[in-house]
Amino acid sequence: MKKQAGAGGNPASDAASGAATAVAFDPVPEAGSNNGVIEHEDIARLAYSYWEARGCPLGSPEEDWFRAEMELLRQTSAPAE
């Protein structure tokens, strides 16, 4: 999945102009899809969606990364329904 830049073609200028798009990401893995292993790309995708939801602020990307990592860890360790 690739985010398209706005009319100017520069994602940085889009963020500066206030143009924000929400990214819907379902962090729940499909049953048996990755055997409980959390992939770097999964964390990155979810962290990016958290960052966008916060309005693309500067600084502290670790906050979104750790939140995403903990959410995915919680979901993979939860008992199956």
Protein backbone atom coordinates (compact mmCIF):
# COMPACT_ATOMS: atom_id res chain seq x y z
CA MET A 1 0.00 0.00 0.00
CA LYS A 2 1.43 3.31 -1.06
CA LYS A 3 0.22 6.70 0.07
CA GLN A 4 -0.32 9.06 -2.80
CA ALA A 5 0.96 12.57 -2.45
CA GLY A 6 -1.36 15.51 -2.94
CA ALA A 7 -1.42 17.77 -5.96
CA GLY A 8 2.07 19.10 -5.20
CA GLY A 9 3.51 15.59 -5.19
CA ASN A 10 5.33 16.15 -1.90
CA PRO A 11 3.97 14.32 1.16
CA ALA A 12 5.83 16.75 3.45
CA SER A 13 4.09 19.75 1.91
CA ASP A 14 0.76 17.91 2.12
CA ALA A 15 1.25 17.47 5.88
CA ALA A 16 2.27 21.11 6.24
CA SER A 17 -0.84 22.25 4.37
CA GLY A 18 -3.06 20.27 6.72
CA ALA A 19 -4.03 17.65 4.14
CA ALA A 20 -4.41 14.42 6.06
CA THR A 21 -5.85 11.12 5.04
CA ALA A 22 -6.92 8.41 7.43
CA VAL A 23 -5.51 4.98 6.84
CA ALA A 24 -7.73 2.14 7.88
CA PHE A 25 -5.63 -0.77 9.04
CA ASP A 26 -7.02 -3.86 10.63
CA PRO A 27 -4.21 -5.08 12.89
CA VAL A 28 -5.87 -8.43 13.53
CA PRO A 29 -3.96 -11.06 11.55
CA GLU A 30 -5.84 -13.78 9.72
CA ALA A 31 -5.88 -17.09 11.55
CA GLY A 32 -2.66 -18.95 10.86
CA SER A 33 -1.36 -16.29 8.51
CA ASN A 34 1.93 -15.65 10.31
CA ASN A 35 2.00 -18.18 13.15
CA GLY A 36 2.03 -15.46 15.80
CA VAL A 37 5.11 -13.74 14.41
CA ILE A 38 4.80 -9.97 14.22
CA GLU A 39 6.44 -8.62 11.09
CA HIS A 40 8.31 -5.32 10.97
CA GLU A 41 6.06 -4.17 8.13
CA ASP A 42 2.93 -4.84 10.21
CA ILE A 43 4.23 -2.69 13.05
CA ALA A 44 5.31 0.03 10.63
CA ARG A 45 1.91 0.11 8.90
CA LEU A 46 -0.01 0.35 12.17
CA ALA A 47 2.41 2.92 13.65
CA TYR A 48 2.01 5.03 10.51
CA SER A 49 -1.78 4.94 10.83
CA TYR A 50 -1.48 6.04 14.49
CA TRP A 51 0.84 8.89 13.46
CA GLU A 52 -1.59 10.03 10.77
CA ALA A 53 -4.50 9.83 13.20
CA ARG A 54 -2.58 12.15 15.54
CA GLY A 55 -2.26 14.72 12.76
CA CYS A 56 1.26 13.87 11.52
CA PRO A 57 3.13 15.73 14.29
CA LEU A 58 6.89 16.18 14.27
CA GLY A 59 9.04 14.22 16.73
CA SER A 60 8.59 11.12 18.87
CA PRO A 61 7.90 8.43 16.25
CA GLU A 62 8.77 5.91 18.96
CA GLU A 63 5.46 6.63 20.69
CA ASP A 64 3.47 5.33 17.71
CA TRP A 65 5.90 2.47 17.07
CA PHE A 66 5.72 1.14 20.63
CA ARG A 67 1.94 1.55 20.73
CA ALA A 68 1.61 -0.43 17.50
CA GLU A 69 4.04 -3.10 18.66
CA MET A 70 2.23 -3.56 21.98
CA GLU A 71 -1.17 -3.73 20.27
CA LEU A 72 0.01 -6.41 17.83
CA LEU A 73 1.73 -8.37 20.61
CA ARG A 74 -1.44 -8.24 22.69
CA GLN A 75 -3.52 -9.49 19.80
CA THR A 76 -1.20 -12.36 18.90
CA SER A 77 -0.99 -13.52 22.51
CA ALA A 78 -4.76 -13.33 23.09
CA PRO A 79 -6.51 -16.71 23.13
CA ALA A 80 -8.43 -17.55 19.96
CA GLU A 81 -12.21 -17.24 20.22
